[in-house]
Amino acid sequence: MTQIRSTNRPRIGISSCLLGENVRYDGGNKKNVFITDELSRLFEFISFCPEVAAGMGIPRPPIQLIDFNGQVRALGIKNPALDMTGSLTECANHINHELAELSGYIFKCRSPSCGINDVKVLFKDQAYDVRGQGIFAAEIMKRFPHLPVIDEQQLTNTRLQQLFLDRVYQHYQAMK
């Protein structure tokens, strides 16, 4: 995890691409101005890209989620032999200590590694379901069920944004 500021504000984990870091599979980013300009005043961001940490490189072959009889795997789109499921899960294991010090996490929506509730999952019949969770995000939410989480799309909803902020500050106060 990469820390971008050192302050006494709540520490928030965040998908690196949302901060403008060029870590996506295509070498680009998904910089979110609301996050970088507004929320950066409230929080100390701890940047992390599980796909890079898993050794996939930049640029890298894109992955997708595929359901095999109830078990979801993160496989290469062009090369299904590329199975990143274990590596993405291991990333969550390796950062347990840092995660325990966080007051919240902002994930990248629809990402096969970081999506929290809106990721496409391909089934045997070649049909998609869009209610899946990214492998890394699912592992984090399982290990830290009380950690407030949100994605950048949900942050556009004023009610969800306020609920997230309230929960982050409650979590932060409880950690002091």
N, C-alpha and C. Protein backbone atom coordinates (compact mmCIF):
# COMPACT_ATOMS: atom_id res chain seq x y z
N MET A 1 0.86 -1.17 0.00
CA MET A 1 0.00 0.00 0.00
C MET A 1 0.90 1.23 0.00
N THR A 2 0.52 2.22 -0.77
CA THR A 2 1.30 3.44 -0.88
C THR A 2 0.57 4.57 -0.18
N GLN A 3 1.23 5.19 0.77
CA GLN A 3 0.65 6.30 1.50
C GLN A 3 0.95 7.58 0.75
N ILE A 4 -0.07 8.45 0.56
CA ILE A 4 0.20 9.68 -0.17
C ILE A 4 0.28 10.90 0.74
N ARG A 5 -0.18 10.79 1.99
CA ARG A 5 -0.07 11.90 2.93
C ARG A 5 0.12 11.33 4.33
N SER A 6 0.69 12.12 5.20
CA SER A 6 0.82 11.70 6.59
C SER A 6 0.17 12.77 7.46
N THR A 7 -0.99 12.47 8.01
CA THR A 7 -1.75 13.42 8.81
C THR A 7 -2.41 12.68 9.95
N ASN A 8 -3.17 13.40 10.75
CA ASN A 8 -3.95 12.80 11.82
C ASN A 8 -5.40 12.62 11.42
N ARG A 9 -5.67 12.54 10.15
CA ARG A 9 -7.02 12.31 9.64
C ARG A 9 -7.28 10.81 9.50
N PRO A 10 -8.53 10.42 9.36
CA PRO A 10 -8.82 8.99 9.13
C PRO A 10 -8.07 8.48 7.91
N ARG A 11 -7.54 7.28 8.04
CA ARG A 11 -6.83 6.62 6.93
C ARG A 11 -7.83 5.80 6.14
N ILE A 12 -7.87 6.03 4.83
CA ILE A 12 -8.81 5.35 3.94
C ILE A 12 -8.02 4.61 2.87
N GLY A 13 -8.27 3.31 2.73
CA GLY A 13 -7.70 2.58 1.61
C GLY A 13 -8.44 2.98 0.34
N ILE A 14 -7.73 2.97 -0.77
CA ILE A 14 -8.36 3.39 -2.03
C ILE A 14 -7.70 2.69 -3.22
N SER A 15 -8.50 2.36 -4.19
CA SER A 15 -7.98 1.81 -5.44
C SER A 15 -7.11 2.87 -6.11
N SER A 16 -5.88 2.51 -6.40
CA SER A 16 -4.88 3.46 -6.91
C SER A 16 -5.33 4.22 -8.15
N CYS A 17 -6.04 3.55 -9.04
CA CYS A 17 -6.46 4.20 -10.30
C CYS A 17 -7.37 5.39 -10.05
N LEU A 18 -8.12 5.39 -8.93
CA LEU A 18 -9.02 6.50 -8.62
C LEU A 18 -8.26 7.77 -8.24
N LEU A 19 -7.01 7.61 -7.85
CA LEU A 19 -6.17 8.77 -7.51
C LEU A 19 -5.40 9.29 -8.71
N GLY A 20 -5.61 8.67 -9.86
CA GLY A 20 -4.92 9.10 -11.07
C GLY A 20 -3.64 8.35 -11.35
N GLU A 21 -3.37 7.30 -10.59
CA GLU A 21 -2.18 6.49 -10.85
C GLU A 21 -2.43 5.60 -12.07
N ASN A 22 -1.48 5.55 -12.96
CA ASN A 22 -1.61 4.77 -14.20
C ASN A 22 -1.31 3.30 -13.95
N VAL A 23 -2.25 2.62 -13.33
CA VAL A 23 -2.07 1.23 -12.93
C VAL A 23 -3.09 0.27 -13.56
N ARG A 24 -3.99 0.78 -14.38
CA ARG A 24 -5.01 -0.09 -14.96
C ARG A 24 -4.40 -1.03 -16.00
N TYR A 25 -5.17 -2.02 -16.38
CA TYR A 25 -4.68 -3.03 -17.33
C TYR A 25 -4.16 -2.40 -18.62
N ASP A 26 -4.75 -1.28 -19.04
CA ASP A 26 -4.34 -0.62 -20.28
C ASP A 26 -3.29 0.47 -20.06
N GLY A 27 -2.79 0.58 -18.83
CA GLY A 27 -1.80 1.60 -18.50
C GLY A 27 -2.40 2.94 -18.15
N GLY A 28 -3.71 3.02 -18.12
CA GLY A 28 -4.38 4.28 -17.80
C GLY A 28 -4.82 4.35 -16.35
N ASN A 29 -5.71 5.32 -16.10
CA ASN A 29 -6.23 5.50 -14.75
C ASN A 29 -7.71 5.89 -14.83
N LYS A 30 -8.34 5.99 -13.71
CA LYS A 30 -9.73 6.42 -13.60
C LYS A 30 -9.84 7.51 -12.55
N LYS A 31 -8.96 8.51 -12.67
CA LYS A 31 -8.91 9.59 -11.68
C LYS A 31 -10.30 10.14 -11.43
N ASN A 32 -10.62 10.29 -10.16
CA ASN A 32 -11.91 10.82 -9.75
C ASN A 32 -11.66 12.15 -9.05
N VAL A 33 -12.07 13.23 -9.67
CA VAL A 33 -11.78 14.58 -9.18
C VAL A 33 -12.44 14.85 -7.83
N PHE A 34 -13.64 14.34 -7.62
CA PHE A 34 -14.28 14.52 -6.32
C PHE A 34 -13.42 13.92 -5.21
N ILE A 35 -12.89 12.74 -5.47
CA ILE A 35 -12.04 12.08 -4.47
C ILE A 35 -10.74 12.85 -4.27
N THR A 36 -10.05 13.19 -5.37
CA THR A 36 -8.74 13.84 -5.24
C THR A 36 -8.84 15.28 -4.75
N ASP A 37 -9.91 15.99 -5.11
CA ASP A 37 -10.03 17.39 -4.72
C ASP A 37 -10.80 17.61 -3.43
N GLU A 38 -11.85 16.84 -3.20
CA GLU A 38 -12.70 17.06 -2.02
C GLU A 38 -12.38 16.12 -0.86
N LEU A 39 -12.43 14.82 -1.13
CA LEU A 39 -12.24 13.87 -0.04
C LEU A 39 -10.80 13.85 0.47
N SER A 40 -9.86 14.26 -0.36
CA SER A 40 -8.46 14.30 0.08
C SER A 40 -8.26 15.32 1.20
N ARG A 41 -9.19 16.23 1.36
CA ARG A 41 -9.12 17.20 2.46
C ARG A 41 -9.53 16.57 3.79
N LEU A 42 -10.32 15.50 3.70
CA LEU A 42 -10.87 14.86 4.90
C LEU A 42 -10.06 13.65 5.36
N PHE A 43 -9.41 12.96 4.40
CA PHE A 43 -8.80 11.68 4.69
C PHE A 43 -7.34 11.61 4.28
N GLU A 44 -6.63 10.70 4.91
CA GLU A 44 -5.30 10.31 4.46
C GLU A 44 -5.52 9.06 3.61
N PHE A 45 -5.20 9.12 2.32
CA PHE A 45 -5.41 7.99 1.43
C PHE A 45 -4.23 7.04 1.45
N ILE A 46 -4.55 5.75 1.48
CA ILE A 46 -3.57 4.68 1.37
C ILE A 46 -3.90 3.96 0.06
N SER A 47 -3.08 4.19 -0.93
CA SER A 47 -3.33 3.71 -2.30
C SER A 47 -2.86 2.27 -2.47
N PHE A 48 -3.69 1.46 -3.17
CA PHE A 48 -3.32 0.07 -3.40
C PHE A 48 -3.98 -0.43 -4.68
N CYS A 49 -3.21 -1.15 -5.49
CA CYS A 49 -3.74 -1.82 -6.67
C CYS A 49 -3.42 -3.31 -6.54
N PRO A 50 -4.41 -4.14 -6.24
CA PRO A 50 -4.14 -5.56 -6.05
C PRO A 50 -3.64 -6.27 -7.30
N GLU A 51 -4.04 -5.82 -8.48
CA GLU A 51 -3.58 -6.48 -9.70
C GLU A 51 -2.08 -6.25 -9.91
N VAL A 52 -1.63 -5.05 -9.61
CA VAL A 52 -0.18 -4.77 -9.70
C VAL A 52 0.55 -5.54 -8.61
N ALA A 53 0.00 -5.51 -7.39
CA ALA A 53 0.62 -6.23 -6.28
C ALA A 53 0.68 -7.73 -6.54
N ALA A 54 -0.27 -8.24 -7.31
CA ALA A 54 -0.30 -9.67 -7.65
C ALA A 54 0.69 -10.02 -8.75
N GLY A 55 1.42 -9.01 -9.25
CA GLY A 55 2.46 -9.26 -10.25
C GLY A 55 1.99 -9.25 -11.68
N MET A 56 0.82 -8.67 -11.94
CA MET A 56 0.29 -8.69 -13.30
C MET A 56 0.94 -7.68 -14.23
N GLY A 57 1.61 -6.67 -13.68
CA GLY A 57 2.30 -5.69 -14.52
C GLY A 57 1.38 -4.64 -15.10
N ILE A 58 2.01 -3.66 -15.78
CA ILE A 58 1.30 -2.56 -16.44
C ILE A 58 1.98 -2.34 -17.79
N PRO A 59 1.30 -2.39 -18.90
CA PRO A 59 -0.07 -2.91 -19.05
C PRO A 59 -0.08 -4.42 -18.82
N ARG A 60 -1.30 -4.98 -18.78
CA ARG A 60 -1.45 -6.40 -18.50
C ARG A 60 -2.67 -6.93 -19.23
N PRO A 61 -2.74 -8.23 -19.40
CA PRO A 61 -3.95 -8.80 -20.01
C PRO A 61 -5.15 -8.58 -19.09
N PRO A 62 -6.28 -8.16 -19.63
CA PRO A 62 -7.46 -7.97 -18.79
C PRO A 62 -8.00 -9.31 -18.28
N ILE A 63 -8.64 -9.24 -17.11
CA ILE A 63 -9.24 -10.43 -16.51
C ILE A 63 -10.75 -10.24 -16.40
N GLN A 64 -11.45 -11.34 -16.21
CA GLN A 64 -12.90 -11.30 -15.98
C GLN A 64 -13.25 -12.37 -14.96
N LEU A 65 -14.42 -12.23 -14.38
CA LEU A 65 -14.88 -13.21 -13.41
C LEU A 65 -15.74 -14.25 -14.11
N ILE A 66 -15.45 -15.52 -13.82
CA ILE A 66 -16.20 -16.62 -14.40
C ILE A 66 -16.66 -17.53 -13.28
N ASP A 67 -17.94 -17.91 -13.32
CA ASP A 67 -18.52 -18.79 -12.32
C ASP A 67 -18.39 -20.24 -12.77
N PHE A 68 -17.75 -21.04 -11.93
CA PHE A 68 -17.63 -22.48 -12.17
C PHE A 68 -18.41 -23.19 -11.07
N ASN A 69 -19.68 -23.46 -11.34
CA ASN A 69 -20.53 -24.16 -10.37
C ASN A 69 -20.50 -23.53 -8.99
N GLY A 70 -20.65 -22.22 -8.95
CA GLY A 70 -20.71 -21.50 -7.68
C GLY A 70 -19.39 -20.97 -7.17
N GLN A 71 -18.29 -21.34 -7.80
CA GLN A 71 -16.98 -20.81 -7.42
C GLN A 71 -16.54 -19.81 -8.48
N VAL A 72 -16.36 -18.56 -8.06
CA VAL A 72 -15.97 -17.50 -8.99
C VAL A 72 -14.46 -17.41 -9.07
N ARG A 73 -13.95 -17.36 -10.31
CA ARG A 73 -12.51 -17.28 -10.58
C ARG A 73 -12.23 -16.03 -11.42
N ALA A 74 -11.05 -15.45 -11.23
CA ALA A 74 -10.59 -14.31 -12.03
C ALA A 74 -9.63 -14.84 -13.09
N LEU A 75 -10.11 -14.93 -14.33
CA LEU A 75 -9.33 -15.52 -15.42
C LEU A 75 -9.07 -14.51 -16.52
N GLY A 76 -8.00 -14.73 -17.26
CA GLY A 76 -7.69 -13.88 -18.40
C GLY A 76 -8.78 -13.96 -19.45
N ILE A 77 -9.11 -12.84 -20.05
CA ILE A 77 -10.15 -12.82 -21.08
C ILE A 77 -9.66 -13.55 -22.32
N LYS A 78 -8.46 -13.23 -22.79
CA LYS A 78 -7.93 -13.87 -24.00
C LYS A 78 -7.25 -15.21 -23.69
N ASN A 79 -6.75 -15.35 -22.46
CA ASN A 79 -6.07 -16.58 -22.07
C ASN A 79 -6.68 -17.07 -20.76
N PRO A 80 -7.74 -17.89 -20.83
CA PRO A 80 -8.39 -18.38 -19.62
C PRO A 80 -7.48 -19.22 -18.72
N ALA A 81 -6.31 -19.63 -19.20
CA ALA A 81 -5.36 -20.35 -18.35
C ALA A 81 -4.73 -19.41 -17.32
N LEU A 82 -4.80 -18.10 -17.57
CA LEU A 82 -4.29 -17.11 -16.62
C LEU A 82 -5.31 -16.99 -15.49
N ASP A 83 -5.04 -17.60 -14.36
CA ASP A 83 -5.95 -17.59 -13.21
C ASP A 83 -5.31 -16.76 -12.10
N MET A 84 -5.88 -15.60 -11.84
CA MET A 84 -5.33 -14.68 -10.84
C MET A 84 -6.08 -14.74 -9.51
N THR A 85 -7.00 -15.67 -9.37
CA THR A 85 -7.83 -15.75 -8.17
C THR A 85 -6.99 -15.87 -6.90
N GLY A 86 -6.08 -16.83 -6.88
CA GLY A 86 -5.25 -17.04 -5.69
C GLY A 86 -4.36 -15.86 -5.39
N SER A 87 -3.78 -15.26 -6.41
CA SER A 87 -2.89 -14.12 -6.21
C SER A 87 -3.63 -12.92 -5.65
N LEU A 88 -4.85 -12.67 -6.14
CA LEU A 88 -5.63 -11.54 -5.63
C LEU A 88 -6.07 -11.79 -4.19
N THR A 89 -6.40 -13.02 -3.88
CA THR A 89 -6.76 -13.37 -2.51
C THR A 89 -5.56 -13.21 -1.59
N GLU A 90 -4.39 -13.64 -2.05
CA GLU A 90 -3.17 -13.52 -1.26
C GLU A 90 -2.82 -12.06 -0.97
N CYS A 91 -3.11 -11.17 -1.92
CA CYS A 91 -2.85 -9.74 -1.69
C CYS A 91 -3.58 -9.26 -0.45
N ALA A 92 -4.81 -9.69 -0.28
CA ALA A 92 -5.58 -9.31 0.91
C ALA A 92 -4.92 -9.88 2.17
N ASN A 93 -4.39 -11.10 2.08
CA ASN A 93 -3.71 -11.70 3.23
C ASN A 93 -2.47 -10.90 3.63
N HIS A 94 -1.72 -10.44 2.64
CA HIS A 94 -0.46 -9.76 2.91
C HIS A 94 -0.62 -8.36 3.49
N ILE A 95 -1.77 -7.76 3.33
CA ILE A 95 -1.94 -6.40 3.84
C ILE A 95 -2.88 -6.33 5.03
N ASN A 96 -3.09 -7.45 5.70
CA ASN A 96 -3.98 -7.49 6.87
C ASN A 96 -3.62 -6.43 7.90
N HIS A 97 -2.34 -6.26 8.21
CA HIS A 97 -1.92 -5.30 9.23
C HIS A 97 -2.33 -3.88 8.83
N GLU A 98 -2.06 -3.50 7.58
CA GLU A 98 -2.42 -2.16 7.12
C GLU A 98 -3.94 -1.96 7.13
N LEU A 99 -4.67 -2.99 6.74
CA LEU A 99 -6.13 -2.89 6.70
C LEU A 99 -6.72 -2.68 8.09
N ALA A 100 -6.12 -3.28 9.09
CA ALA A 100 -6.62 -3.14 10.45
C ALA A 100 -6.51 -1.71 10.95
N GLU A 101 -5.66 -0.91 10.30
CA GLU A 101 -5.48 0.48 10.70
C GLU A 101 -6.32 1.46 9.88
N LEU A 102 -7.12 0.94 8.96
CA LEU A 102 -7.94 1.80 8.11
C LEU A 102 -9.30 2.07 8.73
N SER A 103 -9.87 3.21 8.37
CA SER A 103 -11.22 3.57 8.82
C SER A 103 -12.25 3.40 7.72
N GLY A 104 -11.81 3.02 6.53
CA GLY A 104 -12.72 2.81 5.40
C GLY A 104 -11.93 2.45 4.16
N TYR A 105 -12.68 2.15 3.09
CA TYR A 105 -12.03 1.79 1.82
C TYR A 105 -12.92 2.25 0.67
N ILE A 106 -12.30 2.89 -0.33
CA ILE A 106 -13.00 3.28 -1.55
C ILE A 106 -12.47 2.41 -2.68
N PHE A 107 -13.35 1.60 -3.26
CA PHE A 107 -12.98 0.67 -4.31
C PHE A 107 -13.40 1.18 -5.69
N LYS A 108 -12.79 0.62 -6.72
CA LYS A 108 -13.14 0.92 -8.11
C LYS A 108 -14.33 0.05 -8.52
N CYS A 109 -15.40 0.69 -8.92
CA CYS A 109 -16.60 -0.07 -9.30
C CYS A 109 -16.37 -0.90 -10.56
N ARG A 110 -17.08 -2.00 -10.63
CA ARG A 110 -17.10 -2.91 -11.77
C ARG A 110 -15.77 -3.60 -12.06
N SER A 111 -14.79 -3.45 -11.20
CA SER A 111 -13.49 -4.09 -11.41
C SER A 111 -13.54 -5.55 -10.98
N PRO A 112 -12.95 -6.47 -11.77
CA PRO A 112 -12.93 -7.87 -11.37
C PRO A 112 -12.07 -8.13 -10.13
N SER A 113 -11.28 -7.16 -9.73
CA SER A 113 -10.54 -7.30 -8.49
C SER A 113 -11.14 -6.43 -7.38
N CYS A 114 -11.61 -5.23 -7.71
CA CYS A 114 -12.02 -4.27 -6.68
C CYS A 114 -13.51 -3.93 -6.62
N GLY A 115 -14.31 -4.40 -7.52
CA GLY A 115 -15.74 -4.08 -7.48
C GLY A 115 -16.40 -4.67 -6.24
N ILE A 116 -17.32 -3.91 -5.63
CA ILE A 116 -17.94 -4.40 -4.41
C ILE A 116 -19.34 -4.99 -4.59
N ASN A 117 -19.99 -4.70 -5.70
CA ASN A 117 -21.33 -5.28 -5.87
C ASN A 117 -21.87 -5.22 -7.29
N ASP A 118 -21.10 -4.82 -8.22
CA ASP A 118 -21.63 -4.58 -9.57
C ASP A 118 -20.73 -5.14 -10.67
N VAL A 119 -20.04 -6.22 -10.36
CA VAL A 119 -19.07 -6.78 -11.30
C VAL A 119 -19.74 -7.86 -12.15
N LYS A 120 -19.46 -7.84 -13.45
CA LYS A 120 -19.98 -8.87 -14.34
C LYS A 120 -19.34 -10.22 -14.02
N VAL A 121 -20.18 -11.24 -13.95
CA VAL A 121 -19.71 -12.61 -13.76
C VAL A 121 -20.27 -13.43 -14.91
N LEU A 122 -19.38 -14.11 -15.63
CA LEU A 122 -19.77 -14.93 -16.77
C LEU A 122 -20.09 -16.34 -16.29
N PHE A 123 -21.22 -16.87 -16.76
CA PHE A 123 -21.63 -18.22 -16.41
C PHE A 123 -21.41 -19.16 -17.60
N LYS A 124 -21.52 -20.47 -17.36
CA LYS A 124 -21.28 -21.48 -18.40
C LYS A 124 -22.09 -21.23 -19.66
N ASP A 125 -23.32 -20.77 -19.49
CA ASP A 125 -24.18 -20.56 -20.65
C ASP A 125 -23.88 -19.25 -21.37
N GLN A 126 -22.73 -18.63 -21.00
CA GLN A 126 -22.26 -17.38 -21.61
C GLN A 126 -23.14 -16.19 -21.26
N ALA A 127 -24.00 -16.35 -20.24
CA ALA A 127 -24.81 -15.22 -19.76
C ALA A 127 -24.04 -14.51 -18.65
N TYR A 128 -24.24 -13.21 -18.54
CA TYR A 128 -23.60 -12.42 -17.49
C TYR A 128 -24.59 -12.09 -16.39
N ASP A 129 -24.08 -12.00 -15.19
CA ASP A 129 -24.82 -11.48 -14.06
C ASP A 129 -23.97 -10.32 -13.56
N VAL A 130 -24.56 -9.21 -13.21
CA VAL A 130 -23.78 -8.03 -12.81
C VAL A 130 -23.83 -7.80 -11.30
N ARG A 131 -24.03 -8.83 -10.54
CA ARG A 131 -24.09 -8.67 -9.08
C ARG A 131 -22.89 -9.26 -8.37
N GLY A 132 -21.83 -9.54 -9.07
CA GLY A 132 -20.66 -10.14 -8.46
C GLY A 132 -19.80 -9.15 -7.71
N GLN A 133 -18.83 -9.68 -6.98
CA GLN A 133 -17.85 -8.87 -6.27
C GLN A 133 -16.46 -9.22 -6.79
N GLY A 134 -15.61 -8.21 -6.87
CA GLY A 134 -14.22 -8.45 -7.25
C GLY A 134 -13.55 -9.34 -6.21
N ILE A 135 -12.58 -10.12 -6.64
CA ILE A 135 -11.93 -11.11 -5.78
C ILE A 135 -11.26 -10.44 -4.57
N PHE A 136 -10.48 -9.40 -4.80
CA PHE A 136 -9.79 -8.70 -3.71
C PHE A 136 -10.79 -8.02 -2.77
N ALA A 137 -11.73 -7.29 -3.33
CA ALA A 137 -12.72 -6.57 -2.51
C ALA A 137 -13.54 -7.54 -1.67
N ALA A 138 -13.95 -8.65 -2.25
CA ALA A 138 -14.74 -9.64 -1.50
C ALA A 138 -13.94 -10.17 -0.31
N GLU A 139 -12.66 -10.41 -0.53
CA GLU A 139 -11.82 -10.92 0.56
C GLU A 139 -11.66 -9.89 1.67
N ILE A 140 -11.48 -8.63 1.30
CA ILE A 140 -11.35 -7.56 2.30
C ILE A 140 -12.64 -7.44 3.10
N MET A 141 -13.78 -7.46 2.42
CA MET A 141 -15.06 -7.31 3.11
C MET A 141 -15.36 -8.51 4.00
N LYS A 142 -14.87 -9.69 3.61
CA LYS A 142 -15.05 -10.88 4.44
C LYS A 142 -14.19 -10.80 5.69
N ARG A 143 -12.95 -10.35 5.54
CA ARG A 143 -12.01 -10.28 6.66
C ARG A 143 -12.32 -9.13 7.61
N PHE A 144 -12.86 -8.04 7.08
CA PHE A 144 -13.15 -6.84 7.87
C PHE A 144 -14.60 -6.43 7.64
N PRO A 145 -15.56 -7.19 8.16
CA PRO A 145 -16.97 -6.95 7.86
C PRO A 145 -17.52 -5.62 8.37
N HIS A 146 -16.84 -4.99 9.33
CA HIS A 146 -17.32 -3.72 9.87
C HIS A 146 -16.62 -2.51 9.24
N LEU A 147 -15.67 -2.76 8.34
CA LEU A 147 -14.97 -1.67 7.67
C LEU A 147 -15.91 -1.00 6.67
N PRO A 148 -16.14 0.31 6.80
CA PRO A 148 -16.99 1.00 5.83
C PRO A 148 -16.36 0.95 4.43
N VAL A 149 -17.13 0.52 3.44
CA VAL A 149 -16.65 0.47 2.06
C VAL A 149 -17.67 1.14 1.15
N ILE A 150 -17.14 1.64 0.03
CA ILE A 150 -17.97 2.29 -0.98
C ILE A 150 -17.16 2.27 -2.28
N ASP A 151 -17.82 2.48 -3.41
CA ASP A 151 -17.08 2.67 -4.66
C ASP A 151 -17.36 4.07 -5.18
N GLU A 152 -16.59 4.47 -6.18
CA GLU A 152 -16.70 5.85 -6.65
C GLU A 152 -18.05 6.15 -7.28
N GLN A 153 -18.71 5.14 -7.82
CA GLN A 153 -20.05 5.35 -8.38
C GLN A 153 -21.05 5.63 -7.26
N GLN A 154 -20.95 4.87 -6.17
CA GLN A 154 -21.86 5.08 -5.03
C GLN A 154 -21.63 6.44 -4.38
N LEU A 155 -20.41 6.97 -4.47
CA LEU A 155 -20.12 8.28 -3.89
C LEU A 155 -20.92 9.40 -4.56
N THR A 156 -21.45 9.16 -5.75
CA THR A 156 -22.25 10.18 -6.43
C THR A 156 -23.66 10.28 -5.83
N ASN A 157 -24.05 9.28 -5.05
CA ASN A 157 -25.34 9.28 -4.37
C ASN A 157 -25.15 9.97 -3.02
N THR A 158 -25.78 11.13 -2.83
CA THR A 158 -25.58 11.93 -1.63
C THR A 158 -25.88 11.16 -0.35
N ARG A 159 -26.92 10.37 -0.36
CA ARG A 159 -27.29 9.60 0.83
C ARG A 159 -26.22 8.55 1.16
N LEU A 160 -25.76 7.81 0.15
CA LEU A 160 -24.73 6.79 0.37
C LEU A 160 -23.40 7.43 0.77
N GLN A 161 -23.11 8.56 0.16
CA GLN A 161 -21.88 9.28 0.49
C GLN A 161 -21.88 9.70 1.96
N GLN A 162 -22.99 10.28 2.41
CA GLN A 162 -23.08 10.73 3.80
C GLN A 162 -23.03 9.56 4.77
N LEU A 163 -23.69 8.47 4.43
CA LEU A 163 -23.65 7.27 5.27
C LEU A 163 -22.22 6.75 5.39
N PHE A 164 -21.50 6.71 4.28
CA PHE A 164 -20.10 6.28 4.30
C PHE A 164 -19.26 7.19 5.18
N LEU A 165 -19.38 8.50 5.00
CA LEU A 165 -18.61 9.46 5.79
C LEU A 165 -18.90 9.30 7.28
N ASP A 166 -20.17 9.17 7.64
CA ASP A 166 -20.54 8.99 9.04
C ASP A 166 -19.92 7.72 9.61
N ARG A 167 -20.00 6.63 8.86
CA ARG A 167 -19.45 5.36 9.33
C ARG A 167 -17.93 5.42 9.45
N VAL A 168 -17.27 6.10 8.51
CA VAL A 168 -15.81 6.24 8.57
C VAL A 168 -15.42 6.97 9.86
N TYR A 169 -16.09 8.08 10.15
CA TYR A 169 -15.73 8.84 11.34
C TYR A 169 -16.06 8.09 12.62
N GLN A 170 -17.13 7.31 12.63
CA GLN A 170 -17.44 6.47 13.79
C GLN A 170 -16.36 5.41 13.98
N HIS A 171 -15.96 4.80 12.89
CA HIS A 171 -14.91 3.78 12.92
C HIS A 171 -13.60 4.40 13.42
N TYR A 172 -13.28 5.56 12.91
CA TYR A 172 -12.06 6.27 13.28
C TYR A 172 -12.06 6.60 14.78
N GLN A 173 -13.16 7.11 15.29
CA GLN A 173 -13.27 7.43 16.71
C GLN A 173 -13.13 6.18 17.58
N ALA A 174 -13.71 5.08 17.14
CA ALA A 174 -13.63 3.83 17.89
C ALA A 174 -12.21 3.27 17.93
N MET A 175 -11.40 3.62 16.93
CA MET A 175 -10.02 3.12 16.85
C MET A 175 -9.08 3.92 17.74
N LYS A 176 -9.46 5.14 18.12
CA LYS A 176 -8.57 6.01 18.90
C LYS A 176 -8.36 5.49 20.30
